[in-house]
Amino acid sequence: DSKEEETLEWLRVIEKKYANVRVLSFNYPFNYSAINNYGARNAKGSIIGLINNDIEVISPGWLTEMVSHCVRDGVGCVGAKLYYSNDTVQHGGVILGLGGLAAHSHRQSPRSSPGYFGRLTAVQNLSAVTGAVLLVRKEIFDEVGGLDEENLAIAYNDVDFCLKVRQAGYRIVWTPHAELYHHESISRGLEDTPEKKERFRKEFEFMIKKWGDQLRSDPFYNPNLTHRKEDFSLNDEEYV
């Protein structure tokens, strides 16, 4: 349901140019979960790639890197290392409990930073990764029922999806060797209207009700570290 003529023309061109490209229309109100579920239902491949339209590739081998993990036995979702346009970290994986529910690790760290004990340089297991760039085998996507388009139309659907995948017995892997820019919220916009704020509140409360204590104790995050910031600093206050 793109509106920009430049985008529509590009979609027409690639569909004609490449025999393995299909462009599907989705003429409904914006619902991130529903859009991706629709795409997954129509996909013919064995691997599903959730890729936002505000993503810009940096490393040429990003897809090979992510697929190499995605096809491993026991691996469910695979996430990438994403940067803001100013070359600071946008996504180093998702840590449960940050900000009361979940947030991105190492957010706004310099691109050159090794991270906490080198975590920004190491392939690792995590509880969740962002849906902005996420790969998963189609059989697993279908097994857990895809994204929750009824309760999580915009926010936290990726965290919920990853938790469902982990609950089904698969690992969530994040790799720093797939690097991309994520020009976050350029197309979707911010939560800056009463309607959007109310929708966000409902989605936040739904996640708290559904996952409860799991959101307060991330097995991949030291309990002695803060839940108020994404910088892995020591917890100097009681967690609320």
C-alpha atoms as a PDB file:
ATOM      1  CA  ASP A   1       0.000   0.000   0.000  1.00  0.00           C
ATOM      2  CA  SER A   2       2.837   2.388  -0.795  1.00  0.00           C
ATOM      3  CA  LYS A   3       1.834   5.901  -1.803  1.00  0.00           C
ATOM      4  CA  GLU A   4       5.025   7.362  -3.310  1.00  0.00           C
ATOM      5  CA  GLU A   5       5.085   7.120  -7.103  1.00  0.00           C
ATOM      6  CA  GLU A   6       8.842   6.497  -7.113  1.00  0.00           C
ATOM      7  CA  THR A   7       8.299   3.426  -4.923  1.00  0.00           C
ATOM      8  CA  LEU A   8       5.419   2.144  -7.030  1.00  0.00           C
ATOM      9  CA  GLU A   9       7.453   2.536 -10.226  1.00  0.00           C
ATOM     10  CA  TRP A  10      10.403   0.662  -8.667  1.00  0.00           C
ATOM     11  CA  LEU A  11       8.075  -2.194  -7.678  1.00  0.00           C
ATOM     12  CA  ARG A  12       6.721  -2.395 -11.224  1.00  0.00           C
ATOM     13  CA  VAL A  13      10.240  -2.491 -12.663  1.00  0.00           C
ATOM     14  CA  ILE A  14      11.634  -5.225 -10.435  1.00  0.00           C
ATOM     15  CA  GLU A  15       8.569  -7.426 -10.916  1.00  0.00           C
ATOM     16  CA  LYS A  16       9.057  -7.287 -14.688  1.00  0.00           C
ATOM     17  CA  LYS A  17      12.853  -7.581 -14.554  1.00  0.00           C
ATOM     18  CA  TYR A  18      13.155 -10.570 -12.219  1.00  0.00           C
ATOM     19  CA  ALA A  19      11.157 -13.759 -12.759  1.00  0.00           C
ATOM     20  CA  ASN A  20      11.478 -14.735  -9.085  1.00  0.00           C
ATOM     21  CA  VAL A  21      10.016 -11.458  -7.732  1.00  0.00           C
ATOM     22  CA  ARG A  22       6.315 -11.089  -6.960  1.00  0.00           C
ATOM     23  CA  VAL A  23       4.799  -7.833  -5.684  1.00  0.00           C
ATOM     24  CA  LEU A  24       1.671  -8.333  -3.587  1.00  0.00           C
ATOM     25  CA  SER A  25      -0.892  -5.611  -2.871  1.00  0.00           C
ATOM     26  CA  PHE A  26      -2.080  -5.084   0.710  1.00  0.00           C
ATOM     27  CA  ASN A  27      -4.770  -2.408   0.645  1.00  0.00           C
ATOM     28  CA  TYR A  28      -5.634  -2.284   4.347  1.00  0.00           C
ATOM     29  CA  PRO A  29      -4.842  -0.006   7.304  1.00  0.00           C
ATOM     30  CA  PHE A  30      -1.218  -0.311   8.437  1.00  0.00           C
ATOM     31  CA  ASN A  31      -0.717  -3.410  10.569  1.00  0.00           C
ATOM     32  CA  TYR A  32       2.879  -4.622  10.644  1.00  0.00           C
ATOM     33  CA  SER A  33       1.923  -8.096  11.860  1.00  0.00           C
ATOM     34  CA  ALA A  34      -0.816  -8.565   9.265  1.00  0.00           C
ATOM     35  CA  ILE A  35       1.397  -7.373   6.409  1.00  0.00           C
ATOM     36  CA  ASN A  36       4.144  -9.846   7.243  1.00  0.00           C
ATOM     37  CA  ASN A  37       1.722 -12.706   7.879  1.00  0.00           C
ATOM     38  CA  TYR A  38       0.185 -12.033   4.465  1.00  0.00           C
ATOM     39  CA  GLY A  39       3.605 -12.087   2.845  1.00  0.00           C
ATOM     40  CA  ALA A  40       4.559 -15.295   4.644  1.00  0.00           C
ATOM     41  CA  ARG A  41       1.370 -17.053   3.550  1.00  0.00           C
ATOM     42  CA  ASN A  42       2.161 -16.243  -0.074  1.00  0.00           C
ATOM     43  CA  ALA A  43       5.891 -16.973   0.127  1.00  0.00           C
ATOM     44  CA  LYS A  44       7.169 -20.014  -1.762  1.00  0.00           C
ATOM     45  CA  GLY A  45      10.638 -20.205  -0.221  1.00  0.00           C
ATOM     46  CA  SER A  46      11.791 -22.110   2.853  1.00  0.00           C
ATOM     47  CA  ILE A  47      13.108 -19.015   4.666  1.00  0.00           C
ATOM     48  CA  ILE A  48      11.075 -15.946   5.586  1.00  0.00           C
ATOM     49  CA  GLY A  49      12.831 -12.572   5.737  1.00  0.00           C
ATOM     50  CA  LEU A  50      11.155  -9.732   7.601  1.00  0.00           C
ATOM     51  CA  ILE A  51      12.887  -6.651   6.163  1.00  0.00           C
ATOM     52  CA  ASN A  52      11.635  -3.126   6.853  1.00  0.00           C
ATOM     53  CA  ASN A  53      11.419  -0.649   4.000  1.00  0.00           C
ATOM     54  CA  ASP A  54      13.726   1.748   5.883  1.00  0.00           C
ATOM     55  CA  ILE A  55      16.714  -0.636   5.750  1.00  0.00           C
ATOM     56  CA  GLU A  56      19.946   0.107   3.864  1.00  0.00           C
ATOM     57  CA  VAL A  57      22.549  -2.616   3.322  1.00  0.00           C
ATOM     58  CA  ILE A  58      26.142  -2.044   4.500  1.00  0.00           C
ATOM     59  CA  SER A  59      27.858  -5.442   4.399  1.00  0.00           C
ATOM     60  CA  PRO A  60      27.482  -7.275   1.051  1.00  0.00           C
ATOM     61  CA  GLY A  61      27.478 -10.702   2.712  1.00  0.00           C
ATOM     62  CA  TRP A  62      24.740  -9.902   5.225  1.00  0.00           C
ATOM     63  CA  LEU A  63      22.159 -12.314   3.794  1.00  0.00           C
ATOM     64  CA  THR A  64      24.587 -15.231   3.426  1.00  0.00           C
ATOM     65  CA  GLU A  65      25.691 -14.668   7.025  1.00  0.00           C
ATOM     66  CA  MET A  66      22.134 -14.689   8.374  1.00  0.00           C
ATOM     67  CA  VAL A  67      20.989 -17.661   6.287  1.00  0.00           C
ATOM     68  CA  SER A  68      24.019 -19.680   7.442  1.00  0.00           C
ATOM     69  CA  HIS A  69      22.658 -19.461  10.990  1.00  0.00           C
ATOM     70  CA  CYS A  70      18.999 -19.751  10.029  1.00  0.00           C
ATOM     71  CA  VAL A  71      19.469 -23.210   8.506  1.00  0.00           C
ATOM     72  CA  ARG A  72      21.240 -24.623  11.583  1.00  0.00           C
ATOM     73  CA  ASP A  73      19.356 -27.230  13.597  1.00  0.00           C
ATOM     74  CA  GLY A  74      17.822 -25.727  16.691  1.00  0.00           C
ATOM     75  CA  VAL A  75      18.008 -22.123  15.489  1.00  0.00           C
ATOM     76  CA  GLY A  76      14.774 -20.190  15.117  1.00  0.00           C
ATOM     77  CA  CYS A  77      15.117 -16.439  14.498  1.00  0.00           C
ATOM     78  CA  VAL A  78      18.286 -14.682  13.341  1.00  0.00           C
ATOM     79  CA  GLY A  79      18.857 -10.955  13.835  1.00  0.00           C
ATOM     80  CA  ALA A  80      21.393  -8.452  12.467  1.00  0.00           C
ATOM     81  CA  LYS A  81      23.485  -5.554  13.745  1.00  0.00           C
ATOM     82  CA  LEU A  82      21.735  -2.315  12.817  1.00  0.00           C
ATOM     83  CA  TYR A  83      22.910   1.286  12.935  1.00  0.00           C
ATOM     84  CA  TYR A  84      21.275   4.691  12.912  1.00  0.00           C
ATOM     85  CA  SER A  85      22.218   7.024  10.073  1.00  0.00           C
ATOM     86  CA  ASN A  86      24.829   8.678  12.335  1.00  0.00           C
ATOM     87  CA  ASP A  87      26.734   5.382  12.719  1.00  0.00           C
ATOM     88  CA  THR A  88      25.653   4.632  16.252  1.00  0.00           C
ATOM     89  CA  VAL A  89      24.144   1.278  17.179  1.00  0.00           C
ATOM     90  CA  GLN A  90      20.379   0.984  16.746  1.00  0.00           C
ATOM     91  CA  HIS A  91      20.084  -2.744  17.463  1.00  0.00           C
ATOM     92  CA  GLY A  92      22.504  -5.107  19.159  1.00  0.00           C
ATOM     93  CA  GLY A  93      19.774  -7.567  20.054  1.00  0.00           C
ATOM     94  CA  VAL A  94      16.809  -7.219  22.400  1.00  0.00           C
ATOM     95  CA  ILE A  95      17.116  -7.432  26.193  1.00  0.00           C
ATOM     96  CA  LEU A  96      13.983  -8.259  28.170  1.00  0.00           C
ATOM     97  CA  GLY A  97      13.150  -6.012  31.099  1.00  0.00           C
ATOM     98  CA  LEU A  98      14.804  -2.865  29.781  1.00  0.00           C
ATOM     99  CA  GLY A  99      12.429   0.063  30.126  1.00  0.00           C
ATOM    100  CA  GLY A 100       9.892  -2.147  31.863  1.00  0.00           C
ATOM    101  CA  LEU A 101       9.366  -4.550  28.970  1.00  0.00           C
ATOM    102  CA  ALA A 102      12.126  -4.854  26.351  1.00  0.00           C
ATOM    103  CA  ALA A 103      14.615  -2.643  24.511  1.00  0.00           C
ATOM    104  CA  HIS A 104      17.646  -2.810  22.237  1.00  0.00           C
ATOM    105  CA  SER A 105      21.039  -3.517  23.757  1.00  0.00           C
ATOM    106  CA  HIS A 106      23.888  -1.020  23.324  1.00  0.00           C
ATOM    107  CA  ARG A 107      21.593   1.521  21.650  1.00  0.00           C
ATOM    108  CA  GLN A 108      23.476   4.668  20.564  1.00  0.00           C
ATOM    109  CA  SER A 109      26.888   3.122  21.226  1.00  0.00           C
ATOM    110  CA  PRO A 110      29.538   4.122  18.657  1.00  0.00           C
ATOM    111  CA  ARG A 111      29.738   1.827  15.646  1.00  0.00           C
ATOM    112  CA  SER A 112      33.345   1.004  16.563  1.00  0.00           C
ATOM    113  CA  SER A 113      32.505   0.036  20.157  1.00  0.00           C
ATOM    114  CA  PRO A 114      33.173  -3.613  21.109  1.00  0.00           C
ATOM    115  CA  GLY A 115      30.295  -3.398  23.574  1.00  0.00           C
ATOM    116  CA  TYR A 116      29.992  -4.835  27.048  1.00  0.00           C
ATOM    117  CA  PHE A 117      32.699  -7.529  27.336  1.00  0.00           C
ATOM    118  CA  GLY A 118      32.891  -7.574  23.531  1.00  0.00           C
ATOM    119  CA  ARG A 119      29.243  -8.476  23.016  1.00  0.00           C
ATOM    120  CA  LEU A 120      28.889  -6.223  19.963  1.00  0.00           C
ATOM    121  CA  THR A 121      31.546  -8.317  18.199  1.00  0.00           C
ATOM    122  CA  ALA A 122      30.307 -11.823  19.005  1.00  0.00           C
ATOM    123  CA  VAL A 123      27.611 -14.073  17.558  1.00  0.00           C
ATOM    124  CA  GLN A 124      25.363 -14.907  20.510  1.00  0.00           C
ATOM    125  CA  ASN A 125      22.074 -16.337  21.708  1.00  0.00           C
ATOM    126  CA  LEU A 126      19.495 -13.807  22.916  1.00  0.00           C
ATOM    127  CA  SER A 127      15.873 -13.759  24.025  1.00  0.00           C
ATOM    128  CA  ALA A 128      14.726 -11.695  21.042  1.00  0.00           C
ATOM    129  CA  VAL A 129      15.799  -9.648  18.027  1.00  0.00           C
ATOM    130  CA  THR A 130      14.058  -6.857  16.154  1.00  0.00           C
ATOM    131  CA  GLY A 131      11.685  -7.638  13.304  1.00  0.00           C
ATOM    132  CA  ALA A 132      13.245  -4.856  11.231  1.00  0.00           C
ATOM    133  CA  VAL A 133      15.703  -7.448   9.863  1.00  0.00           C
ATOM    134  CA  LEU A 134      14.796 -10.977  10.953  1.00  0.00           C
ATOM    135  CA  LEU A 135      15.178 -14.346   9.234  1.00  0.00           C
ATOM    136  CA  VAL A 136      13.312 -17.506  10.216  1.00  0.00           C
ATOM    137  CA  ARG A 137      12.507 -20.783   8.509  1.00  0.00           C
ATOM    138  CA  LYS A 138       8.977 -20.788   7.124  1.00  0.00           C
ATOM    139  CA  GLU A 139       8.142 -24.038   8.915  1.00  0.00           C
ATOM    140  CA  ILE A 140       8.935 -22.387  12.262  1.00  0.00           C
ATOM    141  CA  PHE A 141       7.026 -19.213  11.355  1.00  0.00           C
ATOM    142  CA  ASP A 142       3.967 -21.360  10.623  1.00  0.00           C
ATOM    143  CA  GLU A 143       4.518 -23.585  13.673  1.00  0.00           C
ATOM    144  CA  VAL A 144       4.181 -20.677  16.112  1.00  0.00           C
ATOM    145  CA  GLY A 145       1.374 -18.967  14.188  1.00  0.00           C
ATOM    146  CA  GLY A 146       3.322 -16.025  12.799  1.00  0.00           C
ATOM    147  CA  LEU A 147       2.952 -12.523  14.228  1.00  0.00           C
ATOM    148  CA  ASP A 148       0.023 -11.523  16.448  1.00  0.00           C
ATOM    149  CA  GLU A 149      -1.948  -9.209  14.167  1.00  0.00           C
ATOM    150  CA  GLU A 150      -4.925  -9.000  16.529  1.00  0.00           C
ATOM    151  CA  ASN A 151      -3.188  -7.805  19.706  1.00  0.00           C
ATOM    152  CA  LEU A 152       0.155  -6.470  18.449  1.00  0.00           C
ATOM    153  CA  ALA A 153      -0.465  -4.587  15.222  1.00  0.00           C
ATOM    154  CA  ILE A 154       2.535  -2.258  15.536  1.00  0.00           C
ATOM    155  CA  ALA A 155       4.679  -2.590  18.666  1.00  0.00           C
ATOM    156  CA  TYR A 156       6.342  -5.588  20.338  1.00  0.00           C
ATOM    157  CA  ASN A 157       5.106  -8.132  17.776  1.00  0.00           C
ATOM    158  CA  ASP A 158       8.718  -9.106  17.070  1.00  0.00           C
ATOM    159  CA  VAL A 159       9.496  -9.643  20.762  1.00  0.00           C
ATOM    160  CA  ASP A 160       6.329 -11.697  21.170  1.00  0.00           C
ATOM    161  CA  PHE A 161       7.196 -13.728  18.068  1.00  0.00           C
ATOM    162  CA  CYS A 162      10.727 -14.474  19.298  1.00  0.00           C
ATOM    163  CA  LEU A 163       9.420 -15.526  22.699  1.00  0.00           C
ATOM    164  CA  LYS A 164       6.981 -17.896  20.992  1.00  0.00           C
ATOM    165  CA  VAL A 165       9.841 -19.332  18.938  1.00  0.00           C
ATOM    166  CA  ARG A 166      11.952 -19.829  22.084  1.00  0.00           C
ATOM    167  CA  GLN A 167       8.968 -21.388  23.830  1.00  0.00           C
ATOM    168  CA  ALA A 168       8.766 -23.876  20.956  1.00  0.00           C
ATOM    169  CA  GLY A 169      12.359 -24.928  21.704  1.00  0.00           C
ATOM    170  CA  TYR A 170      14.415 -22.916  19.208  1.00  0.00           C
ATOM    171  CA  ARG A 171      17.303 -20.505  19.810  1.00  0.00           C
ATOM    172  CA  ILE A 172      17.355 -16.824  18.865  1.00  0.00           C
ATOM    173  CA  VAL A 173      20.695 -15.852  17.305  1.00  0.00           C
ATOM    174  CA  TRP A 174      22.143 -12.374  16.752  1.00  0.00           C
ATOM    175  CA  THR A 175      25.132 -11.834  14.476  1.00  0.00           C
ATOM    176  CA  PRO A 176      27.342  -8.716  14.224  1.00  0.00           C
ATOM    177  CA  HIS A 177      28.589  -9.875  10.824  1.00  0.00           C
ATOM    178  CA  ALA A 178      25.401  -8.753   9.083  1.00  0.00           C
ATOM    179  CA  GLU A 179      25.444  -4.948   9.214  1.00  0.00           C
ATOM    180  CA  LEU A 180      22.721  -2.626   7.921  1.00  0.00           C
ATOM    181  CA  TYR A 181      21.395   0.861   8.503  1.00  0.00           C
ATOM    182  CA  HIS A 182      17.926   1.141   9.988  1.00  0.00           C
ATOM    183  CA  HIS A 183      16.446   4.577   9.391  1.00  0.00           C
ATOM    184  CA  GLU A 184      14.005   3.874  12.207  1.00  0.00           C
ATOM    185  CA  SER A 185      10.385   5.065  12.023  1.00  0.00           C
ATOM    186  CA  ILE A 186      10.874   7.087   8.833  1.00  0.00           C
ATOM    187  CA  SER A 187       7.965   5.345   7.125  1.00  0.00           C
ATOM    188  CA  ARG A 188       5.853   4.323  10.116  1.00  0.00           C
ATOM    189  CA  GLY A 189       6.177   7.550  12.073  1.00  0.00           C
ATOM    190  CA  LEU A 190       6.347   8.138  15.813  1.00  0.00           C
ATOM    191  CA  GLU A 191       3.876   7.450  18.622  1.00  0.00           C
ATOM    192  CA  ASP A 192       2.901  11.129  18.623  1.00  0.00           C
ATOM    193  CA  THR A 193      -0.920  11.211  18.539  1.00  0.00           C
ATOM    194  CA  PRO A 194      -3.480  10.297  21.243  1.00  0.00           C
ATOM    195  CA  GLU A 195      -4.667   7.378  19.125  1.00  0.00           C
ATOM    196  CA  LYS A 196      -1.159   5.990  18.632  1.00  0.00           C
ATOM    197  CA  LYS A 197      -0.308   6.449  22.306  1.00  0.00           C
ATOM    198  CA  GLU A 198      -3.448   4.567  23.343  1.00  0.00           C
ATOM    199  CA  ARG A 199      -2.700   1.748  20.915  1.00  0.00           C
ATOM    200  CA  PHE A 200       0.863   1.533  22.237  1.00  0.00           C
ATOM    201  CA  ARG A 201      -0.418   1.414  25.839  1.00  0.00           C
ATOM    202  CA  LYS A 202      -2.721  -1.502  25.020  1.00  0.00           C
ATOM    203  CA  GLU A 203       0.063  -3.409  23.267  1.00  0.00           C
ATOM    204  CA  PHE A 204       2.422  -2.799  26.195  1.00  0.00           C
ATOM    205  CA  GLU A 205      -0.156  -4.042  28.698  1.00  0.00           C
ATOM    206  CA  PHE A 206      -0.952  -7.079  26.543  1.00  0.00           C
ATOM    207  CA  MET A 207       2.717  -8.125  26.570  1.00  0.00           C
ATOM    208  CA  ILE A 208       2.978  -7.679  30.339  1.00  0.00           C
ATOM    209  CA  LYS A 209      -0.139  -9.778  30.874  1.00  0.00           C
ATOM    210  CA  LYS A 210       0.932 -12.509  28.442  1.00  0.00           C
ATOM    211  CA  TRP A 211       4.591 -12.960  29.342  1.00  0.00           C
ATOM    212  CA  GLY A 212       4.684 -11.643  32.908  1.00  0.00           C
ATOM    213  CA  ASP A 213       7.800 -12.589  34.859  1.00  0.00           C
ATOM    214  CA  GLN A 214       9.694 -13.669  31.734  1.00  0.00           C
ATOM    215  CA  LEU A 215       9.970  -9.986  30.868  1.00  0.00           C
ATOM    216  CA  ARG A 216      11.647  -9.270  34.203  1.00  0.00           C
ATOM    217  CA  SER A 217      14.401 -11.881  34.034  1.00  0.00           C
ATOM    218  CA  ASP A 218      16.343 -12.231  30.778  1.00  0.00           C
ATOM    219  CA  PRO A 219      18.598 -15.332  30.860  1.00  0.00           C
ATOM    220  CA  PHE A 220      21.051 -13.556  28.553  1.00  0.00           C
ATOM    221  CA  TYR A 221      21.433 -10.442  30.740  1.00  0.00           C
ATOM    222  CA  ASN A 222      23.237 -10.180  34.073  1.00  0.00           C
ATOM    223  CA  PRO A 223      20.691  -9.401  36.857  1.00  0.00           C
ATOM    224  CA  ASN A 224      23.225  -7.038  38.436  1.00  0.00           C
ATOM    225  CA  LEU A 225      22.952  -4.695  35.433  1.00  0.00           C
ATOM    226  CA  THR A 226      20.467  -1.850  35.065  1.00  0.00           C
ATOM    227  CA  HIS A 227      17.003  -2.148  33.531  1.00  0.00           C
ATOM    228  CA  ARG A 228      16.680   1.618  33.086  1.00  0.00           C
ATOM    229  CA  LYS A 229      19.283   2.098  30.346  1.00  0.00           C
ATOM    230  CA  GLU A 230      20.649   0.116  27.387  1.00  0.00           C
ATOM    231  CA  ASP A 231      24.333   0.617  28.232  1.00  0.00           C
ATOM    232  CA  PHE A 232      24.942  -2.440  30.466  1.00  0.00           C
ATOM    233  CA  SER A 233      25.821  -0.214  33.433  1.00  0.00           C
ATOM    234  CA  LEU A 234      25.498  -1.535  36.980  1.00  0.00           C
ATOM    235  CA  ASN A 235      22.074  -1.616  38.605  1.00  0.00           C
ATOM    236  CA  ASP A 236      22.230   1.065  41.292  1.00  0.00           C
ATOM    237  CA  GLU A 237      18.511   1.160  41.995  1.00  0.00           C
ATOM    238  CA  GLU A 238      15.813  -1.329  42.891  1.00  0.00           C
ATOM    239  CA  TYR A 239      14.073  -2.675  39.804  1.00  0.00           C
ATOM    240  CA  VAL A 240      10.463  -1.483  39.619  1.00  0.00           C
END
